[in-house]
């Protein structure tokens, strides 16, 4: 059990080396908190979820509330108006993540460790959840291996996008923004999708039918 706000792509190799040095067995890893208070938004949550999934880590979202707030608002995933609770942008992100069922696919973070993605495949339906770590920069998501699924090595695929916005912990967000579908050409068994968030807090999901 540990606590840190660093990326597992950095900490897990160091921890693995430490275990090897002292001949320690491999055990399940639980992180009792992740994400600083200013990192709790859809983009950073998508980033951390991708990191945790890659390394099979069970992570608990950090709760930065104090006093009565410590035991309310589900660690700032919901807010309240009077006696009515409502969802913010991060709630919508986690709701989508909770419905990402199927076979987990291999992914890797960007070389600067500022962008990451989690992906699953179920019945030829690919879902990707992606986000940056607090920066508003463009990255390209590169998908390979279509021929392994029986698809041609070149062609056109329709990519459906959803945008997860953030208006602060108290900002009501009713759902992910459905941006519709757009055709993308691919070749050499490789497809590139631009990930270009309008803010450093915005996450995206991408869905592709591979049939």
C-alpha atoms as a PDB file:
ATOM      1  CA  UNK A   1       0.000   0.000   0.000  1.00  0.00           C
ATOM      2  CA  UNK A   2       1.439   3.343  -0.948  1.00  0.00           C
ATOM      3  CA  UNK A   3       0.581   6.978  -1.563  1.00  0.00           C
ATOM      4  CA  UNK A   4       1.989   9.163  -4.283  1.00  0.00           C
ATOM      5  CA  UNK A   5       1.020  11.667  -6.949  1.00  0.00           C
ATOM      6  CA  UNK A   6       3.646  10.544  -9.445  1.00  0.00           C
ATOM      7  CA  UNK A   7       2.998   8.502 -12.568  1.00  0.00           C
ATOM      8  CA  UNK A   8       3.300   4.691 -12.165  1.00  0.00           C
ATOM      9  CA  UNK A   9       5.309   4.545 -15.411  1.00  0.00           C
ATOM     10  CA  UNK A  10       8.089   6.127 -13.327  1.00  0.00           C
ATOM     11  CA  UNK A  11       7.503   4.620  -9.898  1.00  0.00           C
ATOM     12  CA  UNK A  12       6.753   0.998 -10.807  1.00  0.00           C
ATOM     13  CA  UNK A  13      10.098   0.322 -12.562  1.00  0.00           C
ATOM     14  CA  UNK A  14      11.896   1.791  -9.546  1.00  0.00           C
ATOM     15  CA  UNK A  15       9.798  -0.316  -7.186  1.00  0.00           C
ATOM     16  CA  UNK A  16      10.418  -3.442  -9.281  1.00  0.00           C
ATOM     17  CA  UNK A  17      14.173  -2.824  -9.107  1.00  0.00           C
ATOM     18  CA  UNK A  18      13.931  -2.393  -5.334  1.00  0.00           C
ATOM     19  CA  UNK A  19      12.074  -5.691  -4.976  1.00  0.00           C
ATOM     20  CA  UNK A  20      14.676  -7.458  -7.083  1.00  0.00           C
ATOM     21  CA  UNK A  21      17.516  -6.004  -5.014  1.00  0.00           C
ATOM     22  CA  UNK A  22      16.076  -7.457  -1.809  1.00  0.00           C
ATOM     23  CA  UNK A  23      14.512 -10.596  -3.346  1.00  0.00           C
ATOM     24  CA  UNK A  24      11.017  -9.485  -2.369  1.00  0.00           C
ATOM     25  CA  UNK A  25       7.969 -11.238  -3.865  1.00  0.00           C
ATOM     26  CA  UNK A  26       5.529  -9.541  -6.183  1.00  0.00           C
ATOM     27  CA  UNK A  27       2.281  -8.554  -4.498  1.00  0.00           C
ATOM     28  CA  UNK A  28      -0.840  -6.634  -5.544  1.00  0.00           C
ATOM     29  CA  UNK A  29      -0.352  -2.885  -5.242  1.00  0.00           C
ATOM     30  CA  UNK A  30      -2.896  -0.570  -3.651  1.00  0.00           C
ATOM     31  CA  UNK A  31      -2.476   3.196  -3.865  1.00  0.00           C
ATOM     32  CA  UNK A  32      -4.411   4.930  -1.125  1.00  0.00           C
ATOM     33  CA  UNK A  33      -4.595   8.225  -3.012  1.00  0.00           C
ATOM     34  CA  UNK A  34      -3.800   9.629  -6.431  1.00  0.00           C
ATOM     35  CA  UNK A  35      -4.025  13.093  -8.034  1.00  0.00           C
ATOM     36  CA  UNK A  36      -3.309  16.404  -6.375  1.00  0.00           C
ATOM     37  CA  UNK A  37      -6.288  18.676  -5.745  1.00  0.00           C
ATOM     38  CA  UNK A  38      -5.508  20.765  -8.843  1.00  0.00           C
ATOM     39  CA  UNK A  39      -5.275  17.571 -10.914  1.00  0.00           C
ATOM     40  CA  UNK A  40      -8.815  16.474 -10.182  1.00  0.00           C
ATOM     41  CA  UNK A  41     -10.453  17.109 -13.532  1.00  0.00           C
ATOM     42  CA  UNK A  42     -11.395  14.901 -16.507  1.00  0.00           C
ATOM     43  CA  UNK A  43      -8.049  15.163 -18.332  1.00  0.00           C
ATOM     44  CA  UNK A  44      -5.921  14.205 -15.352  1.00  0.00           C
ATOM     45  CA  UNK A  45      -8.339  11.503 -14.246  1.00  0.00           C
ATOM     46  CA  UNK A  46      -8.155   9.861 -17.686  1.00  0.00           C
ATOM     47  CA  UNK A  47      -4.370  10.089 -17.468  1.00  0.00           C
ATOM     48  CA  UNK A  48      -4.162   8.491 -14.023  1.00  0.00           C
ATOM     49  CA  UNK A  49      -6.682   5.772 -14.883  1.00  0.00           C
ATOM     50  CA  UNK A  50      -4.580   4.790 -17.898  1.00  0.00           C
ATOM     51  CA  UNK A  51      -1.460   4.612 -15.720  1.00  0.00           C
ATOM     52  CA  UNK A  52      -3.160   2.577 -13.005  1.00  0.00           C
ATOM     53  CA  UNK A  53      -4.696   0.158 -15.503  1.00  0.00           C
ATOM     54  CA  UNK A  54      -1.379  -0.426 -17.272  1.00  0.00           C
ATOM     55  CA  UNK A  55       0.320  -1.523 -14.069  1.00  0.00           C
ATOM     56  CA  UNK A  56      -2.636  -3.382 -12.518  1.00  0.00           C
ATOM     57  CA  UNK A  57      -2.764  -0.973  -9.598  1.00  0.00           C
ATOM     58  CA  UNK A  58      -5.871  -0.534  -7.474  1.00  0.00           C
ATOM     59  CA  UNK A  59      -6.025   3.193  -6.884  1.00  0.00           C
ATOM     60  CA  UNK A  60      -8.164   5.297  -4.563  1.00  0.00           C
ATOM     61  CA  UNK A  61      -8.883   8.830  -5.673  1.00  0.00           C
ATOM     62  CA  UNK A  62      -7.500  11.383  -3.215  1.00  0.00           C
ATOM     63  CA  UNK A  63     -10.030  13.202  -1.038  1.00  0.00           C
ATOM     64  CA  UNK A  64      -8.861  16.737  -0.310  1.00  0.00           C
ATOM     65  CA  UNK A  65     -11.983  17.747   1.599  1.00  0.00           C
ATOM     66  CA  UNK A  66     -11.829  18.979   5.178  1.00  0.00           C
ATOM     67  CA  UNK A  67     -14.300  18.999   8.050  1.00  0.00           C
ATOM     68  CA  UNK A  68     -17.776  17.907   6.987  1.00  0.00           C
ATOM     69  CA  UNK A  69     -16.705  18.047   3.335  1.00  0.00           C
ATOM     70  CA  UNK A  70     -14.339  15.132   3.928  1.00  0.00           C
ATOM     71  CA  UNK A  71     -17.347  12.833   4.181  1.00  0.00           C
ATOM     72  CA  UNK A  72     -19.453  14.488   1.503  1.00  0.00           C
ATOM     73  CA  UNK A  73     -19.334  15.056  -2.265  1.00  0.00           C
ATOM     74  CA  UNK A  74     -17.622  11.712  -3.050  1.00  0.00           C
ATOM     75  CA  UNK A  75     -14.185  13.364  -3.087  1.00  0.00           C
ATOM     76  CA  UNK A  76     -15.490  16.187  -5.311  1.00  0.00           C
ATOM     77  CA  UNK A  77     -17.161  14.007  -7.929  1.00  0.00           C
ATOM     78  CA  UNK A  78     -20.534  15.560  -7.100  1.00  0.00           C
ATOM     79  CA  UNK A  79     -21.726  18.908  -5.771  1.00  0.00           C
ATOM     80  CA  UNK A  80     -24.852  20.131  -4.039  1.00  0.00           C
ATOM     81  CA  UNK A  81     -27.444  22.852  -4.504  1.00  0.00           C
ATOM     82  CA  UNK A  82     -29.576  23.011  -1.382  1.00  0.00           C
ATOM     83  CA  UNK A  83     -30.397  19.378  -0.687  1.00  0.00           C
ATOM     84  CA  UNK A  84     -29.960  18.271  -4.302  1.00  0.00           C
ATOM     85  CA  UNK A  85     -26.768  16.543  -5.402  1.00  0.00           C
ATOM     86  CA  UNK A  86     -25.627  16.803  -9.000  1.00  0.00           C
ATOM     87  CA  UNK A  87     -22.748  15.509 -11.122  1.00  0.00           C
ATOM     88  CA  UNK A  88     -19.735  17.502 -12.252  1.00  0.00           C
ATOM     89  CA  UNK A  89     -17.453  16.816 -15.203  1.00  0.00           C
ATOM     90  CA  UNK A  90     -15.292  14.267 -13.434  1.00  0.00           C
ATOM     91  CA  UNK A  91     -18.330  12.205 -12.456  1.00  0.00           C
ATOM     92  CA  UNK A  92     -19.196  11.922 -16.138  1.00  0.00           C
ATOM     93  CA  UNK A  93     -15.636  10.805 -16.917  1.00  0.00           C
ATOM     94  CA  UNK A  94     -15.687   8.079 -14.267  1.00  0.00           C
ATOM     95  CA  UNK A  95     -19.154   6.984 -15.374  1.00  0.00           C
ATOM     96  CA  UNK A  96     -17.846   6.410 -18.885  1.00  0.00           C
ATOM     97  CA  UNK A  97     -14.766   4.612 -17.561  1.00  0.00           C
ATOM     98  CA  UNK A  98     -16.989   2.313 -15.492  1.00  0.00           C
ATOM     99  CA  UNK A  99     -18.703   1.175 -18.692  1.00  0.00           C
ATOM    100  CA  UNK A 100     -15.455   0.346 -20.501  1.00  0.00           C
ATOM    101  CA  UNK A 101     -15.775  -3.433 -20.461  1.00  0.00           C
ATOM    102  CA  UNK A 102     -13.977  -5.981 -22.608  1.00  0.00           C
ATOM    103  CA  UNK A 103     -10.367  -6.957 -23.196  1.00  0.00           C
ATOM    104  CA  UNK A 104      -7.832  -4.391 -22.060  1.00  0.00           C
ATOM    105  CA  UNK A 105      -5.445  -3.445 -24.854  1.00  0.00           C
ATOM    106  CA  UNK A 106      -1.772  -2.558 -24.592  1.00  0.00           C
ATOM    107  CA  UNK A 107      -1.169   1.187 -24.584  1.00  0.00           C
ATOM    108  CA  UNK A 108       1.780   3.437 -23.837  1.00  0.00           C
ATOM    109  CA  UNK A 109       2.085   6.994 -22.608  1.00  0.00           C
ATOM    110  CA  UNK A 110       3.636   9.774 -24.653  1.00  0.00           C
ATOM    111  CA  UNK A 111       7.413  10.086 -24.449  1.00  0.00           C
ATOM    112  CA  UNK A 112       7.123  13.188 -22.236  1.00  0.00           C
ATOM    113  CA  UNK A 113       4.728  11.342 -19.872  1.00  0.00           C
ATOM    114  CA  UNK A 114       2.169  14.128 -20.232  1.00  0.00           C
ATOM    115  CA  UNK A 115      -0.451  12.173 -22.194  1.00  0.00           C
ATOM    116  CA  UNK A 116      -1.894   8.696 -21.783  1.00  0.00           C
ATOM    117  CA  UNK A 117      -4.789   6.513 -22.895  1.00  0.00           C
ATOM    118  CA  UNK A 118      -6.712   3.455 -21.710  1.00  0.00           C
ATOM    119  CA  UNK A 119      -8.354   1.181 -24.287  1.00  0.00           C
ATOM    120  CA  UNK A 120     -10.639  -1.851 -24.330  1.00  0.00           C
ATOM    121  CA  UNK A 121     -12.032  -4.021 -27.112  1.00  0.00           C
ATOM    122  CA  UNK A 122     -15.377  -5.804 -26.878  1.00  0.00           C
ATOM    123  CA  UNK A 123     -17.119  -7.505 -29.818  1.00  0.00           C
ATOM    124  CA  UNK A 124     -15.046  -5.505 -32.323  1.00  0.00           C
ATOM    125  CA  UNK A 125     -16.023  -2.256 -30.588  1.00  0.00           C
ATOM    126  CA  UNK A 126     -12.956  -0.267 -29.545  1.00  0.00           C
ATOM    127  CA  UNK A 127     -13.151   2.340 -26.786  1.00  0.00           C
ATOM    128  CA  UNK A 128     -10.296   4.694 -25.905  1.00  0.00           C
ATOM    129  CA  UNK A 129     -10.255   7.141 -22.988  1.00  0.00           C
ATOM    130  CA  UNK A 130      -7.466   9.714 -23.164  1.00  0.00           C
ATOM    131  CA  UNK A 131      -6.224  12.784 -21.347  1.00  0.00           C
ATOM    132  CA  UNK A 132      -3.248  14.999 -20.670  1.00  0.00           C
ATOM    133  CA  UNK A 133      -1.620  15.802 -17.367  1.00  0.00           C
ATOM    134  CA  UNK A 134      -2.632  19.425 -16.842  1.00  0.00           C
ATOM    135  CA  UNK A 135      -1.487  20.685 -20.240  1.00  0.00           C
ATOM    136  CA  UNK A 136      -3.326  21.930 -23.325  1.00  0.00           C
ATOM    137  CA  UNK A 137      -1.195  20.284 -25.996  1.00  0.00           C
ATOM    138  CA  UNK A 138      -2.021  18.224 -29.050  1.00  0.00           C
ATOM    139  CA  UNK A 139      -0.998  14.574 -29.217  1.00  0.00           C
ATOM    140  CA  UNK A 140      -1.675  11.896 -31.804  1.00  0.00           C
ATOM    141  CA  UNK A 141      -3.179   8.553 -30.815  1.00  0.00           C
ATOM    142  CA  UNK A 142      -1.682   5.844 -33.018  1.00  0.00           C
ATOM    143  CA  UNK A 143      -3.573   2.558 -33.304  1.00  0.00           C
ATOM    144  CA  UNK A 144      -2.000  -0.507 -34.920  1.00  0.00           C
ATOM    145  CA  UNK A 145      -2.841  -4.162 -35.504  1.00  0.00           C
ATOM    146  CA  UNK A 146      -6.000  -3.973 -37.592  1.00  0.00           C
ATOM    147  CA  UNK A 147      -4.928  -6.939 -39.722  1.00  0.00           C
ATOM    148  CA  UNK A 148      -4.837  -9.119 -36.601  1.00  0.00           C
ATOM    149  CA  UNK A 149      -8.593  -8.547 -36.353  1.00  0.00           C
ATOM    150  CA  UNK A 150      -9.186  -9.548 -39.951  1.00  0.00           C
ATOM    151  CA  UNK A 151      -9.357  -6.003 -41.314  1.00  0.00           C
ATOM    152  CA  UNK A 152      -7.387  -4.832 -44.359  1.00  0.00           C
ATOM    153  CA  UNK A 153      -4.128  -2.983 -43.737  1.00  0.00           C
ATOM    154  CA  UNK A 154      -5.576   0.169 -45.261  1.00  0.00           C
ATOM    155  CA  UNK A 155      -8.999   1.692 -45.510  1.00  0.00           C
ATOM    156  CA  UNK A 156     -11.366   4.091 -43.755  1.00  0.00           C
ATOM    157  CA  UNK A 157     -12.788   3.853 -40.249  1.00  0.00           C
ATOM    158  CA  UNK A 158     -15.413   5.988 -38.539  1.00  0.00           C
ATOM    159  CA  UNK A 159     -14.311   7.438 -35.197  1.00  0.00           C
ATOM    160  CA  UNK A 160     -16.975   8.649 -32.759  1.00  0.00           C
ATOM    161  CA  UNK A 161     -15.794  11.221 -30.220  1.00  0.00           C
ATOM    162  CA  UNK A 162     -17.057  12.282 -26.805  1.00  0.00           C
ATOM    163  CA  UNK A 163     -15.747  15.323 -24.942  1.00  0.00           C
ATOM    164  CA  UNK A 164     -15.569  15.523 -21.145  1.00  0.00           C
ATOM    165  CA  UNK A 165     -15.681  19.139 -20.015  1.00  0.00           C
ATOM    166  CA  UNK A 166     -14.803  20.665 -16.675  1.00  0.00           C
ATOM    167  CA  UNK A 167     -16.364  23.671 -14.972  1.00  0.00           C
ATOM    168  CA  UNK A 168     -14.821  23.180 -11.551  1.00  0.00           C
ATOM    169  CA  UNK A 169     -15.891  20.920  -8.713  1.00  0.00           C
ATOM    170  CA  UNK A 170     -19.149  22.873  -8.339  1.00  0.00           C
ATOM    171  CA  UNK A 171     -19.894  23.068 -12.055  1.00  0.00           C
ATOM    172  CA  UNK A 172     -22.847  20.971 -13.182  1.00  0.00           C
ATOM    173  CA  UNK A 173     -22.120  18.838 -16.255  1.00  0.00           C
ATOM    174  CA  UNK A 174     -25.077  16.799 -17.458  1.00  0.00           C
ATOM    175  CA  UNK A 175     -23.187  14.349 -19.661  1.00  0.00           C
ATOM    176  CA  UNK A 176     -20.275  13.926 -22.019  1.00  0.00           C
ATOM    177  CA  UNK A 177     -20.562  16.086 -25.127  1.00  0.00           C
ATOM    178  CA  UNK A 178     -21.315  13.892 -28.151  1.00  0.00           C
ATOM    179  CA  UNK A 179     -19.204  15.235 -31.014  1.00  0.00           C
ATOM    180  CA  UNK A 180     -20.420  12.715 -33.561  1.00  0.00           C
ATOM    181  CA  UNK A 181     -18.460  10.570 -35.994  1.00  0.00           C
ATOM    182  CA  UNK A 182     -15.777  11.422 -38.526  1.00  0.00           C
ATOM    183  CA  UNK A 183     -14.104   9.165 -41.121  1.00  0.00           C
ATOM    184  CA  UNK A 184     -10.350   8.618 -40.874  1.00  0.00           C
ATOM    185  CA  UNK A 185      -8.195   6.959 -43.492  1.00  0.00           C
ATOM    186  CA  UNK A 186      -5.543   4.532 -42.323  1.00  0.00           C
ATOM    187  CA  UNK A 187      -2.704   2.714 -44.068  1.00  0.00           C
ATOM    188  CA  UNK A 188       0.171   0.331 -43.308  1.00  0.00           C
ATOM    189  CA  UNK A 189      -2.017  -1.185 -40.578  1.00  0.00           C
ATOM    190  CA  UNK A 190      -1.883   2.096 -38.647  1.00  0.00           C
ATOM    191  CA  UNK A 191      -4.427   4.807 -37.809  1.00  0.00           C
ATOM    192  CA  UNK A 192      -3.645   8.182 -36.231  1.00  0.00           C
ATOM    193  CA  UNK A 193      -6.288  10.221 -34.410  1.00  0.00           C
ATOM    194  CA  UNK A 194      -5.535  13.785 -33.261  1.00  0.00           C
ATOM    195  CA  UNK A 195      -6.159  14.520 -29.588  1.00  0.00           C
ATOM    196  CA  UNK A 196      -6.377  18.301 -29.329  1.00  0.00           C
ATOM    197  CA  UNK A 197      -8.086  19.438 -26.099  1.00  0.00           C
ATOM    198  CA  UNK A 198      -9.475  22.979 -25.810  1.00  0.00           C
ATOM    199  CA  UNK A 199      -8.216  23.176 -22.200  1.00  0.00           C
ATOM    200  CA  UNK A 200      -5.763  21.345 -19.965  1.00  0.00           C
ATOM    201  CA  UNK A 201      -8.743  19.864 -18.110  1.00  0.00           C
ATOM    202  CA  UNK A 202     -10.606  18.346 -21.067  1.00  0.00           C
ATOM    203  CA  UNK A 203     -10.624  14.608 -21.785  1.00  0.00           C
ATOM    204  CA  UNK A 204     -11.898  12.718 -24.825  1.00  0.00           C
ATOM    205  CA  UNK A 205     -13.228   9.250 -25.540  1.00  0.00           C
ATOM    206  CA  UNK A 206     -12.987   7.648 -28.969  1.00  0.00           C
ATOM    207  CA  UNK A 207     -15.082   4.738 -30.199  1.00  0.00           C
ATOM    208  CA  UNK A 208     -14.464   2.715 -33.366  1.00  0.00           C
ATOM    209  CA  UNK A 209     -16.386  -0.194 -34.845  1.00  0.00           C
ATOM    210  CA  UNK A 210     -13.829  -2.689 -36.162  1.00  0.00           C
ATOM    211  CA  UNK A 211     -16.107  -4.908 -38.215  1.00  0.00           C
END
